[in-house]
């Protein structure tokens, strides 16, 4: 399922800068989230052209944002309400843990992810309305995040958690016979350059066999390796002839 189908509402409480709201809309659109609720603060209809331009490609989210007078009203239909906090706490979730919880609850109801004002964050009474808190573990030297940055980080983790798992493209893996053909060519090439011990070449070849089996090469890759081995053998023979070592 795409993030837009994950049942997530982004709730911005008293955002102080219209530009940050517009940029948050673009971040949401990037990650497939489409539901924005505003509690106080910015009025999207009063934005300047320059401010709206920061929502490039996501004007539908900006213009479709729903305004609520109080946080309690904005989240009353959610089965999970998570408030973001700039302060670490022992029980605070990471964005990744939040995303896992969103995935688990997607089938039963909506999740509201609540962001506070850029300068002060959510008040204690607003955090009390939340069922859990999420904290982004930024570097201690500079913990402050722009609103749009925080929205993007959280939305990215949600997208990773709820998107469909892409099955690997079907492809044929080289057979044991094809791997043995590679090893035979390598044996000749590595003997020619003096890499293998002529008295016991199988010791190294056994390790190379296990290496190739673990890597699961394709037939095309085994063909490339055989060609490389043949070239090594040819070069080794030429070197031997120049030094009078050839047969």
C-alpha atoms as a PDB file:
ATOM      1  CA  UNK A   1       0.000   0.000   0.000  1.00  0.00           C
ATOM      2  CA  UNK A   2       1.171   3.547  -0.688  1.00  0.00           C
ATOM      3  CA  UNK A   3       1.654   6.026   2.164  1.00  0.00           C
ATOM      4  CA  UNK A   4      -1.408   7.963   1.001  1.00  0.00           C
ATOM      5  CA  UNK A   5      -3.466   4.854   1.807  1.00  0.00           C
ATOM      6  CA  UNK A   6      -1.875   4.347   5.211  1.00  0.00           C
ATOM      7  CA  UNK A   7      -4.448   6.507   6.992  1.00  0.00           C
ATOM      8  CA  UNK A   8      -2.064   9.203   8.237  1.00  0.00           C
ATOM      9  CA  UNK A   9      -3.005  12.805   9.059  1.00  0.00           C
ATOM     10  CA  UNK A  10      -0.255  15.373   9.496  1.00  0.00           C
ATOM     11  CA  UNK A  11      -1.391  17.914  12.089  1.00  0.00           C
ATOM     12  CA  UNK A  12       0.458  21.241  12.364  1.00  0.00           C
ATOM     13  CA  UNK A  13      -0.322  23.150  15.551  1.00  0.00           C
ATOM     14  CA  UNK A  14       0.120  26.938  15.465  1.00  0.00           C
ATOM     15  CA  UNK A  15       2.777  26.959  12.733  1.00  0.00           C
ATOM     16  CA  UNK A  16       4.399  30.373  12.781  1.00  0.00           C
ATOM     17  CA  UNK A  17       5.729  30.642   9.232  1.00  0.00           C
ATOM     18  CA  UNK A  18       3.600  30.179   6.115  1.00  0.00           C
ATOM     19  CA  UNK A  19       6.706  29.195   4.139  1.00  0.00           C
ATOM     20  CA  UNK A  20       7.314  26.230   6.434  1.00  0.00           C
ATOM     21  CA  UNK A  21       3.742  25.024   6.004  1.00  0.00           C
ATOM     22  CA  UNK A  22       4.105  25.189   2.232  1.00  0.00           C
ATOM     23  CA  UNK A  23       7.426  23.319   2.375  1.00  0.00           C
ATOM     24  CA  UNK A  24       5.849  20.697   4.653  1.00  0.00           C
ATOM     25  CA  UNK A  25       3.153  20.136   2.019  1.00  0.00           C
ATOM     26  CA  UNK A  26       5.822  19.412  -0.565  1.00  0.00           C
ATOM     27  CA  UNK A  27       7.534  17.000   1.817  1.00  0.00           C
ATOM     28  CA  UNK A  28       4.220  15.220   2.357  1.00  0.00           C
ATOM     29  CA  UNK A  29       3.592  14.957  -1.390  1.00  0.00           C
ATOM     30  CA  UNK A  30       7.105  13.575  -1.917  1.00  0.00           C
ATOM     31  CA  UNK A  31       6.318  10.715   0.459  1.00  0.00           C
ATOM     32  CA  UNK A  32       2.732  10.071  -0.602  1.00  0.00           C
ATOM     33  CA  UNK A  33       0.911  11.667   2.319  1.00  0.00           C
ATOM     34  CA  UNK A  34      -2.074  13.824   1.465  1.00  0.00           C
ATOM     35  CA  UNK A  35      -4.028  14.766   4.607  1.00  0.00           C
ATOM     36  CA  UNK A  36      -3.057  18.005   6.364  1.00  0.00           C
ATOM     37  CA  UNK A  37      -4.834  19.573   9.339  1.00  0.00           C
ATOM     38  CA  UNK A  38      -3.970  23.019  10.707  1.00  0.00           C
ATOM     39  CA  UNK A  39      -4.717  24.050  14.272  1.00  0.00           C
ATOM     40  CA  UNK A  40      -4.396  27.827  14.523  1.00  0.00           C
ATOM     41  CA  UNK A  41      -1.587  29.871  13.068  1.00  0.00           C
ATOM     42  CA  UNK A  42      -1.195  30.036   9.299  1.00  0.00           C
ATOM     43  CA  UNK A  43      -4.062  30.582   6.880  1.00  0.00           C
ATOM     44  CA  UNK A  44      -3.113  29.017   3.505  1.00  0.00           C
ATOM     45  CA  UNK A  45      -5.459  31.383   1.700  1.00  0.00           C
ATOM     46  CA  UNK A  46      -3.459  34.368   2.908  1.00  0.00           C
ATOM     47  CA  UNK A  47      -0.089  33.189   1.617  1.00  0.00           C
ATOM     48  CA  UNK A  48       1.958  35.226  -0.818  1.00  0.00           C
ATOM     49  CA  UNK A  49       3.012  33.853  -4.201  1.00  0.00           C
ATOM     50  CA  UNK A  50       6.556  33.336  -2.922  1.00  0.00           C
ATOM     51  CA  UNK A  51       5.322  31.380   0.098  1.00  0.00           C
ATOM     52  CA  UNK A  52       3.007  29.212  -1.987  1.00  0.00           C
ATOM     53  CA  UNK A  53       5.833  28.466  -4.411  1.00  0.00           C
ATOM     54  CA  UNK A  54       7.532  26.410  -1.685  1.00  0.00           C
ATOM     55  CA  UNK A  55       4.681  23.908  -1.986  1.00  0.00           C
ATOM     56  CA  UNK A  56       5.620  23.279  -5.631  1.00  0.00           C
ATOM     57  CA  UNK A  57       3.567  20.400  -6.997  1.00  0.00           C
ATOM     58  CA  UNK A  58       1.714  19.997  -3.699  1.00  0.00           C
ATOM     59  CA  UNK A  59      -0.772  22.853  -3.945  1.00  0.00           C
ATOM     60  CA  UNK A  60      -3.609  20.341  -3.728  1.00  0.00           C
ATOM     61  CA  UNK A  61      -2.475  19.438  -0.219  1.00  0.00           C
ATOM     62  CA  UNK A  62      -2.021  23.079   0.766  1.00  0.00           C
ATOM     63  CA  UNK A  63      -5.400  24.166  -0.587  1.00  0.00           C
ATOM     64  CA  UNK A  64      -7.101  21.071   0.807  1.00  0.00           C
ATOM     65  CA  UNK A  65      -5.769  21.568   4.334  1.00  0.00           C
ATOM     66  CA  UNK A  66      -8.508  21.508   6.962  1.00  0.00           C
ATOM     67  CA  UNK A  67      -8.442  24.075   9.749  1.00  0.00           C
ATOM     68  CA  UNK A  68      -9.499  23.124  13.261  1.00  0.00           C
ATOM     69  CA  UNK A  69      -9.914  25.433  16.273  1.00  0.00           C
ATOM     70  CA  UNK A  70      -8.474  22.934  18.759  1.00  0.00           C
ATOM     71  CA  UNK A  71      -6.112  19.971  18.668  1.00  0.00           C
ATOM     72  CA  UNK A  72      -8.683  17.737  20.331  1.00  0.00           C
ATOM     73  CA  UNK A  73     -11.021  18.219  17.388  1.00  0.00           C
ATOM     74  CA  UNK A  74      -8.271  17.578  14.859  1.00  0.00           C
ATOM     75  CA  UNK A  75      -7.423  14.170  16.311  1.00  0.00           C
ATOM     76  CA  UNK A  76     -10.802  12.974  17.584  1.00  0.00           C
ATOM     77  CA  UNK A  77     -11.216  10.483  14.740  1.00  0.00           C
ATOM     78  CA  UNK A  78      -7.768   8.918  15.085  1.00  0.00           C
ATOM     79  CA  UNK A  79      -7.039   5.569  16.695  1.00  0.00           C
ATOM     80  CA  UNK A  80      -3.441   6.648  17.368  1.00  0.00           C
ATOM     81  CA  UNK A  81      -2.216  10.167  18.159  1.00  0.00           C
ATOM     82  CA  UNK A  82       1.529  10.749  18.255  1.00  0.00           C
ATOM     83  CA  UNK A  83       3.056  14.076  19.214  1.00  0.00           C
ATOM     84  CA  UNK A  84       6.518  15.118  18.102  1.00  0.00           C
ATOM     85  CA  UNK A  85       8.898  16.465  20.717  1.00  0.00           C
ATOM     86  CA  UNK A  86      12.343  17.972  20.510  1.00  0.00           C
ATOM     87  CA  UNK A  87      13.132  16.650  23.983  1.00  0.00           C
ATOM     88  CA  UNK A  88      14.362  13.082  24.360  1.00  0.00           C
ATOM     89  CA  UNK A  89      12.469  10.848  26.760  1.00  0.00           C
ATOM     90  CA  UNK A  90      12.953   7.235  27.819  1.00  0.00           C
ATOM     91  CA  UNK A  91       9.614   6.203  26.333  1.00  0.00           C
ATOM     92  CA  UNK A  92       9.806   8.332  23.180  1.00  0.00           C
ATOM     93  CA  UNK A  93       9.520   6.512  19.872  1.00  0.00           C
ATOM     94  CA  UNK A  94      11.895   6.975  16.984  1.00  0.00           C
ATOM     95  CA  UNK A  95      10.348   7.833  13.607  1.00  0.00           C
ATOM     96  CA  UNK A  96      10.993   4.221  12.600  1.00  0.00           C
ATOM     97  CA  UNK A  97       9.050   2.879  15.572  1.00  0.00           C
ATOM     98  CA  UNK A  98       6.237   5.283  14.714  1.00  0.00           C
ATOM     99  CA  UNK A  99       6.185   3.980  11.152  1.00  0.00           C
ATOM    100  CA  UNK A 100       5.917   0.405  12.396  1.00  0.00           C
ATOM    101  CA  UNK A 101       2.965   1.354  14.589  1.00  0.00           C
ATOM    102  CA  UNK A 102       1.291   3.110  11.646  1.00  0.00           C
ATOM    103  CA  UNK A 103       1.648  -0.039   9.566  1.00  0.00           C
ATOM    104  CA  UNK A 104       0.114  -2.172  12.310  1.00  0.00           C
ATOM    105  CA  UNK A 105      -2.886   0.133  12.729  1.00  0.00           C
ATOM    106  CA  UNK A 106      -3.487   1.005   9.072  1.00  0.00           C
ATOM    107  CA  UNK A 107      -6.276  -1.557   8.764  1.00  0.00           C
ATOM    108  CA  UNK A 108      -8.208  -0.359  11.807  1.00  0.00           C
ATOM    109  CA  UNK A 109      -8.081   3.435  11.731  1.00  0.00           C
ATOM    110  CA  UNK A 110      -6.172   6.641  11.148  1.00  0.00           C
ATOM    111  CA  UNK A 111      -3.009   7.885  12.815  1.00  0.00           C
ATOM    112  CA  UNK A 112      -2.473  11.566  13.584  1.00  0.00           C
ATOM    113  CA  UNK A 113       1.127  12.786  13.723  1.00  0.00           C
ATOM    114  CA  UNK A 114       1.187  16.146  15.511  1.00  0.00           C
ATOM    115  CA  UNK A 115       3.881  18.801  15.080  1.00  0.00           C
ATOM    116  CA  UNK A 116       4.103  21.885  17.270  1.00  0.00           C
ATOM    117  CA  UNK A 117       5.288  25.438  16.555  1.00  0.00           C
ATOM    118  CA  UNK A 118       8.803  25.717  15.150  1.00  0.00           C
ATOM    119  CA  UNK A 119      10.156  27.787  18.043  1.00  0.00           C
ATOM    120  CA  UNK A 120       8.598  26.125  21.080  1.00  0.00           C
ATOM    121  CA  UNK A 121       7.055  22.804  20.129  1.00  0.00           C
ATOM    122  CA  UNK A 122       3.861  21.375  21.555  1.00  0.00           C
ATOM    123  CA  UNK A 123       2.707  22.516  24.986  1.00  0.00           C
ATOM    124  CA  UNK A 124       2.515  19.985  27.790  1.00  0.00           C
ATOM    125  CA  UNK A 125      -1.282  19.928  27.666  1.00  0.00           C
ATOM    126  CA  UNK A 126      -1.123  19.204  23.936  1.00  0.00           C
ATOM    127  CA  UNK A 127       1.367  16.409  24.446  1.00  0.00           C
ATOM    128  CA  UNK A 128      -0.967  15.015  27.104  1.00  0.00           C
ATOM    129  CA  UNK A 129      -3.594  14.526  24.376  1.00  0.00           C
ATOM    130  CA  UNK A 130      -1.169  12.269  22.503  1.00  0.00           C
ATOM    131  CA  UNK A 131      -0.957   8.533  23.054  1.00  0.00           C
ATOM    132  CA  UNK A 132       2.786   8.492  22.414  1.00  0.00           C
ATOM    133  CA  UNK A 133       5.661  10.813  21.634  1.00  0.00           C
ATOM    134  CA  UNK A 134       8.179  10.629  18.824  1.00  0.00           C
ATOM    135  CA  UNK A 135      11.626  12.189  19.015  1.00  0.00           C
ATOM    136  CA  UNK A 136      14.041  12.583  16.108  1.00  0.00           C
ATOM    137  CA  UNK A 137      17.517  11.818  17.493  1.00  0.00           C
ATOM    138  CA  UNK A 138      19.398  14.701  15.880  1.00  0.00           C
ATOM    139  CA  UNK A 139      23.009  15.474  16.703  1.00  0.00           C
ATOM    140  CA  UNK A 140      23.422  17.052  20.126  1.00  0.00           C
ATOM    141  CA  UNK A 141      25.400  19.945  18.665  1.00  0.00           C
ATOM    142  CA  UNK A 142      22.367  21.128  16.697  1.00  0.00           C
ATOM    143  CA  UNK A 143      19.073  19.462  17.587  1.00  0.00           C
ATOM    144  CA  UNK A 144      16.715  22.041  16.057  1.00  0.00           C
ATOM    145  CA  UNK A 145      14.914  20.893  12.922  1.00  0.00           C
ATOM    146  CA  UNK A 146      12.931  22.947  10.455  1.00  0.00           C
ATOM    147  CA  UNK A 147       9.250  21.950  10.409  1.00  0.00           C
ATOM    148  CA  UNK A 148       9.399  20.673   6.839  1.00  0.00           C
ATOM    149  CA  UNK A 149      12.531  18.664   7.620  1.00  0.00           C
ATOM    150  CA  UNK A 150      10.817  16.947  10.531  1.00  0.00           C
ATOM    151  CA  UNK A 151       7.724  16.194   8.450  1.00  0.00           C
ATOM    152  CA  UNK A 152       9.890  14.762   5.676  1.00  0.00           C
ATOM    153  CA  UNK A 153      11.820  12.485   8.037  1.00  0.00           C
ATOM    154  CA  UNK A 154       8.692  11.084   9.627  1.00  0.00           C
ATOM    155  CA  UNK A 155       6.875  10.710   6.302  1.00  0.00           C
ATOM    156  CA  UNK A 156       9.879   8.944   4.780  1.00  0.00           C
ATOM    157  CA  UNK A 157       9.920   6.305   7.505  1.00  0.00           C
ATOM    158  CA  UNK A 158       6.178   5.796   7.126  1.00  0.00           C
ATOM    159  CA  UNK A 159       6.554   5.349   3.382  1.00  0.00           C
ATOM    160  CA  UNK A 160       9.258   2.713   3.837  1.00  0.00           C
ATOM    161  CA  UNK A 161       7.128   0.839   6.357  1.00  0.00           C
ATOM    162  CA  UNK A 162       3.877   0.719   4.409  1.00  0.00           C
ATOM    163  CA  UNK A 163       4.942   0.512   0.773  1.00  0.00           C
ATOM    164  CA  UNK A 164       4.573  -2.852  -0.964  1.00  0.00           C
ATOM    165  CA  UNK A 165       7.588  -5.101  -0.832  1.00  0.00           C
ATOM    166  CA  UNK A 166       9.020  -5.319  -4.340  1.00  0.00           C
ATOM    167  CA  UNK A 167       9.749  -8.887  -5.351  1.00  0.00           C
ATOM    168  CA  UNK A 168      13.110  -9.402  -7.035  1.00  0.00           C
ATOM    169  CA  UNK A 169      12.981  -9.746 -10.774  1.00  0.00           C
ATOM    170  CA  UNK A 170      13.025 -13.390 -11.820  1.00  0.00           C
ATOM    171  CA  UNK A 171      16.331 -14.522 -13.262  1.00  0.00           C
ATOM    172  CA  UNK A 172      18.257 -17.704 -13.757  1.00  0.00           C
ATOM    173  CA  UNK A 173      21.159 -18.531 -11.484  1.00  0.00           C
ATOM    174  CA  UNK A 174      24.163 -20.356 -12.909  1.00  0.00           C
ATOM    175  CA  UNK A 175      24.100 -24.118 -12.528  1.00  0.00           C
ATOM    176  CA  UNK A 176      26.773 -26.183 -10.846  1.00  0.00           C
ATOM    177  CA  UNK A 177      27.972 -27.210 -14.302  1.00  0.00           C
ATOM    178  CA  UNK A 178      28.397 -23.598 -15.367  1.00  0.00           C
ATOM    179  CA  UNK A 179      30.309 -22.842 -12.191  1.00  0.00           C
ATOM    180  CA  UNK A 180      32.565 -25.833 -12.809  1.00  0.00           C
ATOM    181  CA  UNK A 181      33.280 -24.539 -16.320  1.00  0.00           C
ATOM    182  CA  UNK A 182      34.400 -21.265 -14.756  1.00  0.00           C
ATOM    183  CA  UNK A 183      36.623 -23.093 -12.289  1.00  0.00           C
ATOM    184  CA  UNK A 184      38.212 -25.163 -15.042  1.00  0.00           C
ATOM    185  CA  UNK A 185      39.015 -22.014 -16.996  1.00  0.00           C
ATOM    186  CA  UNK A 186      40.320 -20.320 -13.851  1.00  0.00           C
ATOM    187  CA  UNK A 187      42.472 -23.325 -13.075  1.00  0.00           C
ATOM    188  CA  UNK A 188      44.236 -23.045 -16.432  1.00  0.00           C
ATOM    189  CA  UNK A 189      44.613 -19.295 -16.172  1.00  0.00           C
ATOM    190  CA  UNK A 190      45.836 -19.231 -12.574  1.00  0.00           C
ATOM    191  CA  UNK A 191      48.295 -22.067 -13.209  1.00  0.00           C
ATOM    192  CA  UNK A 192      49.624 -20.135 -16.202  1.00  0.00           C
ATOM    193  CA  UNK A 193      50.474 -17.094 -14.072  1.00  0.00           C
ATOM    194  CA  UNK A 194      51.821 -19.129 -11.162  1.00  0.00           C
ATOM    195  CA  UNK A 195      49.047 -18.341  -8.719  1.00  0.00           C
ATOM    196  CA  UNK A 196      48.056 -21.952  -8.054  1.00  0.00           C
ATOM    197  CA  UNK A 197      50.304 -24.668  -6.704  1.00  0.00           C
ATOM    198  CA  UNK A 198      50.523 -27.223  -9.552  1.00  0.00           C
ATOM    199  CA  UNK A 199      50.864 -30.008  -6.976  1.00  0.00           C
ATOM    200  CA  UNK A 200      47.616 -29.123  -5.229  1.00  0.00           C
ATOM    201  CA  UNK A 201      45.456 -26.631  -7.166  1.00  0.00           C
ATOM    202  CA  UNK A 202      42.199 -28.012  -5.743  1.00  0.00           C
ATOM    203  CA  UNK A 203      42.688 -26.448  -2.298  1.00  0.00           C
ATOM    204  CA  UNK A 204      42.264 -22.911  -3.659  1.00  0.00           C
ATOM    205  CA  UNK A 205      39.729 -23.981  -6.280  1.00  0.00           C
ATOM    206  CA  UNK A 206      37.502 -25.427  -3.544  1.00  0.00           C
ATOM    207  CA  UNK A 207      37.423 -22.030  -1.838  1.00  0.00           C
ATOM    208  CA  UNK A 208      36.666 -20.310  -5.139  1.00  0.00           C
ATOM    209  CA  UNK A 209      33.852 -22.822  -5.735  1.00  0.00           C
ATOM    210  CA  UNK A 210      32.246 -21.910  -2.411  1.00  0.00           C
ATOM    211  CA  UNK A 211      32.679 -18.203  -3.136  1.00  0.00           C
ATOM    212  CA  UNK A 212      30.932 -18.517  -6.496  1.00  0.00           C
ATOM    213  CA  UNK A 213      28.126 -20.602  -5.013  1.00  0.00           C
ATOM    214  CA  UNK A 214      27.473 -17.977  -2.311  1.00  0.00           C
ATOM    215  CA  UNK A 215      27.388 -15.142  -4.836  1.00  0.00           C
ATOM    216  CA  UNK A 216      24.825 -16.946  -7.037  1.00  0.00           C
ATOM    217  CA  UNK A 217      26.169 -15.654 -10.387  1.00  0.00           C
ATOM    218  CA  UNK A 218      23.975 -15.499 -13.459  1.00  0.00           C
ATOM    219  CA  UNK A 219      24.907 -17.403 -16.628  1.00  0.00           C
ATOM    220  CA  UNK A 220      26.009 -14.098 -18.139  1.00  0.00           C
ATOM    221  CA  UNK A 221      28.358 -13.496 -15.206  1.00  0.00           C
ATOM    222  CA  UNK A 222      29.875 -16.973 -15.468  1.00  0.00           C
ATOM    223  CA  UNK A 223      30.465 -16.290 -19.156  1.00  0.00           C
ATOM    224  CA  UNK A 224      32.317 -13.093 -18.260  1.00  0.00           C
ATOM    225  CA  UNK A 225      34.439 -14.959 -15.726  1.00  0.00           C
ATOM    226  CA  UNK A 226      35.329 -17.677 -18.236  1.00  0.00           C
ATOM    227  CA  UNK A 227      36.379 -15.035 -20.741  1.00  0.00           C
ATOM    228  CA  UNK A 228      38.533 -13.324 -18.129  1.00  0.00           C
ATOM    229  CA  UNK A 229      40.121 -16.662 -17.146  1.00  0.00           C
ATOM    230  CA  UNK A 230      40.935 -17.482 -20.763  1.00  0.00           C
ATOM    231  CA  UNK A 231      42.583 -14.099 -21.169  1.00  0.00           C
ATOM    232  CA  UNK A 232      44.629 -14.696 -18.014  1.00  0.00           C
ATOM    233  CA  UNK A 233      45.755 -18.062 -19.421  1.00  0.00           C
ATOM    234  CA  UNK A 234      46.715 -16.483 -22.748  1.00  0.00           C
ATOM    235  CA  UNK A 235      48.697 -13.710 -21.025  1.00  0.00           C
ATOM    236  CA  UNK A 236      50.430 -16.234 -18.769  1.00  0.00           C
ATOM    237  CA  UNK A 237      51.480 -18.347 -21.737  1.00  0.00           C
ATOM    238  CA  UNK A 238      52.882 -15.320 -23.585  1.00  0.00           C
ATOM    239  CA  UNK A 239      54.877 -14.280 -20.513  1.00  0.00           C
ATOM    240  CA  UNK A 240      56.199 -17.831 -20.176  1.00  0.00           C
ATOM    241  CA  UNK A 241      57.284 -17.899 -23.818  1.00  0.00           C
ATOM    242  CA  UNK A 242      59.191 -14.615 -23.460  1.00  0.00           C
ATOM    243  CA  UNK A 243      61.074 -15.993 -20.479  1.00  0.00           C
ATOM    244  CA  UNK A 244      61.698 -19.378 -22.024  1.00  0.00           C
ATOM    245  CA  UNK A 245      59.237 -21.103 -19.716  1.00  0.00           C
ATOM    246  CA  UNK A 246      56.827 -22.367 -22.374  1.00  0.00           C
ATOM    247  CA  UNK A 247      56.580 -25.990 -23.454  1.00  0.00           C
END
